[in-house]
Amino acid sequence: MIRNIEKDWRERVVKSNLDLIVLKLLRSKPQWGYEVNIAIRDRYRVYLSAGTLYPLLHSLESDGYIQGEWEPEKRRGRRIYKITDSGINFLEVGERATVELARLMHGQGLA
Protein backbone atom coordinates (compact mmCIF):
# COMPACT_ATOMS: atom_id res chain seq x y z
CA MET A 1 0.00 0.00 0.00
CA ILE A 2 1.40 3.38 -1.03
CA ARG A 3 0.87 6.16 1.48
CA ASN A 4 0.40 9.78 0.61
CA ILE A 5 3.13 11.37 2.74
CA GLU A 6 2.00 14.92 1.96
CA LYS A 7 -1.54 14.14 3.17
CA ASP A 8 -0.18 12.40 6.27
CA TRP A 9 1.96 15.43 7.15
CA ARG A 10 -0.87 17.89 6.46
CA GLU A 11 -3.15 15.95 8.83
CA ARG A 12 -0.40 15.72 11.43
CA VAL A 13 0.34 19.46 11.34
CA VAL A 14 -3.36 20.41 11.43
CA LYS A 15 -4.15 18.07 14.32
CA SER A 16 -1.07 19.22 16.24
CA ASN A 17 -2.18 22.85 15.91
CA LEU A 18 -5.91 22.30 16.01
CA ASP A 19 -6.47 24.56 19.00
CA LEU A 20 -4.85 27.51 17.19
CA ILE A 21 -6.71 26.73 13.96
CA VAL A 22 -10.07 26.65 15.75
CA LEU A 23 -9.30 29.89 17.60
CA LYS A 24 -8.25 31.56 14.36
CA LEU A 25 -11.53 30.54 12.71
CA LEU A 26 -13.55 31.77 15.68
CA ARG A 27 -11.68 35.06 15.72
CA SER A 28 -13.14 35.84 12.30
CA LYS A 29 -16.71 35.10 13.46
CA PRO A 30 -18.65 33.00 15.96
CA GLN A 31 -19.44 29.54 14.59
CA TRP A 32 -21.00 26.27 15.60
CA GLY A 33 -19.02 23.04 15.61
CA TYR A 34 -20.19 21.83 12.21
CA GLU A 35 -19.17 25.16 10.59
CA VAL A 36 -15.73 24.89 12.17
CA ASN A 37 -15.35 21.33 10.87
CA ILE A 38 -16.39 22.33 7.32
CA ALA A 39 -14.01 25.31 7.35
CA ILE A 40 -11.11 23.05 8.38
CA ARG A 41 -12.04 20.52 5.72
CA ASP A 42 -12.27 23.18 3.01
CA ARG A 43 -9.20 25.20 3.98
CA TYR A 44 -6.80 22.47 5.12
CA ARG A 45 -8.24 19.43 3.32
CA VAL A 46 -8.44 17.55 6.61
CA TYR A 47 -11.63 15.91 7.85
CA LEU A 48 -12.10 15.76 11.60
CA SER A 49 -14.39 13.34 13.32
CA ALA A 50 -16.82 14.62 15.92
CA GLY A 51 -14.74 12.67 18.44
CA THR A 52 -11.76 14.89 17.62
CA LEU A 53 -13.39 18.30 17.28
CA TYR A 54 -16.01 18.41 20.04
CA PRO A 55 -13.74 17.36 22.92
CA LEU A 56 -11.34 20.11 21.79
CA LEU A 57 -14.17 22.68 21.74
CA HIS A 58 -15.19 21.62 25.25
CA SER A 59 -11.57 21.84 26.43
CA LEU A 60 -11.10 25.31 24.92
CA GLU A 61 -14.32 26.40 26.60
CA SER A 62 -13.26 24.88 29.93
CA ASP A 63 -9.92 26.73 29.68
CA GLY A 64 -11.76 30.02 29.05
CA TYR A 65 -10.47 30.49 25.48
CA ILE A 66 -13.91 30.24 23.89
CA GLN A 67 -17.44 30.74 25.09
CA GLY A 68 -20.37 28.67 23.88
CA GLU A 69 -23.99 29.70 23.88
CA TRP A 70 -27.01 27.61 22.90
CA GLU A 71 -28.94 29.00 19.97
CA PRO A 72 -32.38 27.52 19.41
CA GLU A 73 -32.96 25.95 16.01
CA LYS A 74 -36.19 24.77 14.44
CA ARG A 75 -35.46 21.10 15.10
CA ARG A 76 -32.85 21.21 17.82
CA GLY A 77 -30.48 23.73 19.36
CA ARG A 78 -26.87 24.23 18.46
CA ARG A 79 -23.99 25.69 20.41
CA ILE A 80 -22.39 28.77 18.90
CA TYR A 81 -18.79 29.35 19.94
CA LYS A 82 -16.97 32.67 20.08
CA ILE A 83 -13.42 33.48 21.09
CA THR A 84 -12.78 35.26 24.40
CA ASP A 85 -10.14 37.87 25.21
CA SER A 86 -8.10 35.11 26.87
CA GLY A 87 -8.47 33.05 23.68
CA ILE A 88 -7.24 35.96 21.55
CA ASN A 89 -4.18 36.27 23.77
CA PHE A 90 -3.52 32.51 23.61
CA LEU A 91 -3.92 32.60 19.82
CA GLU A 92 -1.54 35.54 19.37
CA VAL A 93 1.15 33.90 21.52
CA GLY A 94 0.66 30.62 19.65
CA GLU A 95 0.92 32.34 16.27
CA ARG A 96 4.20 33.97 17.29
CA ALA A 97 5.59 30.64 18.53
CA THR A 98 4.53 28.95 15.28
CA VAL A 99 6.18 31.64 13.15
CA GLU A 100 9.36 31.32 15.23
CA LEU A 101 9.37 27.54 14.85
CA ALA A 102 8.90 27.83 11.07
CA ARG A 103 11.74 30.37 10.93
CA LEU A 104 14.03 28.01 12.84
CA MET A 105 12.98 25.05 10.69
CA HIS A 106 13.97 26.98 7.57
CA GLY A 107 17.40 27.58 9.05
CA GLN A 108 17.07 31.30 9.65
CA GLY A 109 18.73 32.52 12.77
CA LEU A 110 20.91 29.46 13.25
CA ALA A 111 24.56 29.99 14.01
C-alpha atoms as a PDB file:
ATOM      1  CA  MET A   1       0.000   0.000   0.000  1.00  0.00           C
ATOM      2  CA  ILE A   2       1.401   3.379  -1.026  1.00  0.00           C
ATOM      3  CA  ARG A   3       0.872   6.156   1.482  1.00  0.00           C
ATOM      4  CA  ASN A   4       0.402   9.785   0.614  1.00  0.00           C
ATOM      5  CA  ILE A   5       3.132  11.366   2.740  1.00  0.00           C
ATOM      6  CA  GLU A   6       2.000  14.920   1.963  1.00  0.00           C
ATOM      7  CA  LYS A   7      -1.543  14.139   3.168  1.00  0.00           C
ATOM      8  CA  ASP A   8      -0.178  12.396   6.268  1.00  0.00           C
ATOM      9  CA  TRP A   9       1.959  15.428   7.153  1.00  0.00           C
ATOM     10  CA  ARG A  10      -0.870  17.893   6.464  1.00  0.00           C
ATOM     11  CA  GLU A  11      -3.147  15.947   8.829  1.00  0.00           C
ATOM     12  CA  ARG A  12      -0.399  15.716  11.428  1.00  0.00           C
ATOM     13  CA  VAL A  13       0.338  19.459  11.336  1.00  0.00           C
ATOM     14  CA  VAL A  14      -3.359  20.410  11.432  1.00  0.00           C
ATOM     15  CA  LYS A  15      -4.152  18.067  14.315  1.00  0.00           C
ATOM     16  CA  SER A  16      -1.069  19.220  16.241  1.00  0.00           C
ATOM     17  CA  ASN A  17      -2.183  22.850  15.909  1.00  0.00           C
ATOM     18  CA  LEU A  18      -5.906  22.301  16.014  1.00  0.00           C
ATOM     19  CA  ASP A  19      -6.470  24.565  19.001  1.00  0.00           C
ATOM     20  CA  LEU A  20      -4.851  27.512  17.189  1.00  0.00           C
ATOM     21  CA  ILE A  21      -6.706  26.733  13.964  1.00  0.00           C
ATOM     22  CA  VAL A  22     -10.067  26.652  15.753  1.00  0.00           C
ATOM     23  CA  LEU A  23      -9.303  29.889  17.603  1.00  0.00           C
ATOM     24  CA  LYS A  24      -8.250  31.560  14.356  1.00  0.00           C
ATOM     25  CA  LEU A  25     -11.529  30.536  12.713  1.00  0.00           C
ATOM     26  CA  LEU A  26     -13.553  31.769  15.682  1.00  0.00           C
ATOM     27  CA  ARG A  27     -11.679  35.063  15.718  1.00  0.00           C
ATOM     28  CA  SER A  28     -13.137  35.839  12.296  1.00  0.00           C
ATOM     29  CA  LYS A  29     -16.707  35.097  13.456  1.00  0.00           C
ATOM     30  CA  PRO A  30     -18.655  33.002  15.962  1.00  0.00           C
ATOM     31  CA  GLN A  31     -19.444  29.545  14.592  1.00  0.00           C
ATOM     32  CA  TRP A  32     -21.003  26.273  15.600  1.00  0.00           C
ATOM     33  CA  GLY A  33     -19.021  23.037  15.606  1.00  0.00           C
ATOM     34  CA  TYR A  34     -20.188  21.830  12.206  1.00  0.00           C
ATOM     35  CA  GLU A  35     -19.175  25.156  10.590  1.00  0.00           C
ATOM     36  CA  VAL A  36     -15.727  24.886  12.166  1.00  0.00           C
ATOM     37  CA  ASN A  37     -15.354  21.329  10.866  1.00  0.00           C
ATOM     38  CA  ILE A  38     -16.388  22.329   7.317  1.00  0.00           C
ATOM     39  CA  ALA A  39     -14.011  25.314   7.353  1.00  0.00           C
ATOM     40  CA  ILE A  40     -11.110  23.054   8.383  1.00  0.00           C
ATOM     41  CA  ARG A  41     -12.042  20.518   5.719  1.00  0.00           C
ATOM     42  CA  ASP A  42     -12.274  23.179   3.008  1.00  0.00           C
ATOM     43  CA  ARG A  43      -9.201  25.202   3.983  1.00  0.00           C
ATOM     44  CA  TYR A  44      -6.804  22.471   5.119  1.00  0.00           C
ATOM     45  CA  ARG A  45      -8.245  19.428   3.323  1.00  0.00           C
ATOM     46  CA  VAL A  46      -8.442  17.547   6.611  1.00  0.00           C
ATOM     47  CA  TYR A  47     -11.634  15.911   7.846  1.00  0.00           C
ATOM     48  CA  LEU A  48     -12.096  15.764  11.602  1.00  0.00           C
ATOM     49  CA  SER A  49     -14.386  13.335  13.316  1.00  0.00           C
ATOM     50  CA  ALA A  50     -16.825  14.621  15.919  1.00  0.00           C
ATOM     51  CA  GLY A  51     -14.741  12.665  18.437  1.00  0.00           C
ATOM     52  CA  THR A  52     -11.759  14.890  17.624  1.00  0.00           C
ATOM     53  CA  LEU A  53     -13.392  18.304  17.278  1.00  0.00           C
ATOM     54  CA  TYR A  54     -16.012  18.412  20.035  1.00  0.00           C
ATOM     55  CA  PRO A  55     -13.741  17.355  22.921  1.00  0.00           C
ATOM     56  CA  LEU A  56     -11.342  20.111  21.790  1.00  0.00           C
ATOM     57  CA  LEU A  57     -14.166  22.683  21.738  1.00  0.00           C
ATOM     58  CA  HIS A  58     -15.187  21.616  25.253  1.00  0.00           C
ATOM     59  CA  SER A  59     -11.569  21.836  26.431  1.00  0.00           C
ATOM     60  CA  LEU A  60     -11.098  25.309  24.918  1.00  0.00           C
ATOM     61  CA  GLU A  61     -14.321  26.398  26.603  1.00  0.00           C
ATOM     62  CA  SER A  62     -13.263  24.885  29.931  1.00  0.00           C
ATOM     63  CA  ASP A  63      -9.924  26.734  29.677  1.00  0.00           C
ATOM     64  CA  GLY A  64     -11.761  30.021  29.049  1.00  0.00           C
ATOM     65  CA  TYR A  65     -10.473  30.485  25.482  1.00  0.00           C
ATOM     66  CA  ILE A  66     -13.908  30.243  23.887  1.00  0.00           C
ATOM     67  CA  GLN A  67     -17.443  30.736  25.093  1.00  0.00           C
ATOM     68  CA  GLY A  68     -20.368  28.668  23.880  1.00  0.00           C
ATOM     69  CA  GLU A  69     -23.989  29.704  23.882  1.00  0.00           C
ATOM     70  CA  TRP A  70     -27.006  27.609  22.901  1.00  0.00           C
ATOM     71  CA  GLU A  71     -28.942  28.999  19.966  1.00  0.00           C
ATOM     72  CA  PRO A  72     -32.385  27.519  19.408  1.00  0.00           C
ATOM     73  CA  GLU A  73     -32.957  25.954  16.008  1.00  0.00           C
ATOM     74  CA  LYS A  74     -36.190  24.770  14.442  1.00  0.00           C
ATOM     75  CA  ARG A  75     -35.462  21.096  15.103  1.00  0.00           C
ATOM     76  CA  ARG A  76     -32.847  21.214  17.818  1.00  0.00           C
ATOM     77  CA  GLY A  77     -30.476  23.734  19.356  1.00  0.00           C
ATOM     78  CA  ARG A  78     -26.871  24.228  18.463  1.00  0.00           C
ATOM     79  CA  ARG A  79     -23.992  25.687  20.412  1.00  0.00           C
ATOM     80  CA  ILE A  80     -22.387  28.770  18.898  1.00  0.00           C
ATOM     81  CA  TYR A  81     -18.787  29.350  19.944  1.00  0.00           C
ATOM     82  CA  LYS A  82     -16.967  32.671  20.081  1.00  0.00           C
ATOM     83  CA  ILE A  83     -13.420  33.481  21.089  1.00  0.00           C
ATOM     84  CA  THR A  84     -12.784  35.259  24.402  1.00  0.00           C
ATOM     85  CA  ASP A  85     -10.138  37.868  25.213  1.00  0.00           C
ATOM     86  CA  SER A  86      -8.103  35.112  26.869  1.00  0.00           C
ATOM     87  CA  GLY A  87      -8.470  33.045  23.683  1.00  0.00           C
ATOM     88  CA  ILE A  88      -7.242  35.958  21.551  1.00  0.00           C
ATOM     89  CA  ASN A  89      -4.177  36.274  23.775  1.00  0.00           C
ATOM     90  CA  PHE A  90      -3.520  32.508  23.612  1.00  0.00           C
ATOM     91  CA  LEU A  91      -3.919  32.603  19.818  1.00  0.00           C
ATOM     92  CA  GLU A  92      -1.537  35.537  19.370  1.00  0.00           C
ATOM     93  CA  VAL A  93       1.150  33.898  21.522  1.00  0.00           C
ATOM     94  CA  GLY A  94       0.658  30.615  19.653  1.00  0.00           C
ATOM     95  CA  GLU A  95       0.923  32.337  16.274  1.00  0.00           C
ATOM     96  CA  ARG A  96       4.204  33.975  17.287  1.00  0.00           C
ATOM     97  CA  ALA A  97       5.587  30.642  18.527  1.00  0.00           C
ATOM     98  CA  THR A  98       4.525  28.951  15.280  1.00  0.00           C
ATOM     99  CA  VAL A  99       6.185  31.635  13.147  1.00  0.00           C
ATOM    100  CA  GLU A 100       9.359  31.323  15.232  1.00  0.00           C
ATOM    101  CA  LEU A 101       9.366  27.542  14.847  1.00  0.00           C
ATOM    102  CA  ALA A 102       8.898  27.827  11.067  1.00  0.00           C
ATOM    103  CA  ARG A 103      11.744  30.368  10.928  1.00  0.00           C
ATOM    104  CA  LEU A 104      14.027  28.014  12.839  1.00  0.00           C
ATOM    105  CA  MET A 105      12.980  25.046  10.690  1.00  0.00           C
ATOM    106  CA  HIS A 106      13.974  26.982   7.574  1.00  0.00           C
ATOM    107  CA  GLY A 107      17.400  27.579   9.047  1.00  0.00           C
ATOM    108  CA  GLN A 108      17.066  31.302   9.655  1.00  0.00           C
ATOM    109  CA  GLY A 109      18.729  32.518  12.773  1.00  0.00           C
ATOM    110  CA  LEU A 110      20.910  29.461  13.250  1.00  0.00           C
ATOM    111  CA  ALA A 111      24.560  29.989  14.014  1.00  0.00           C
END
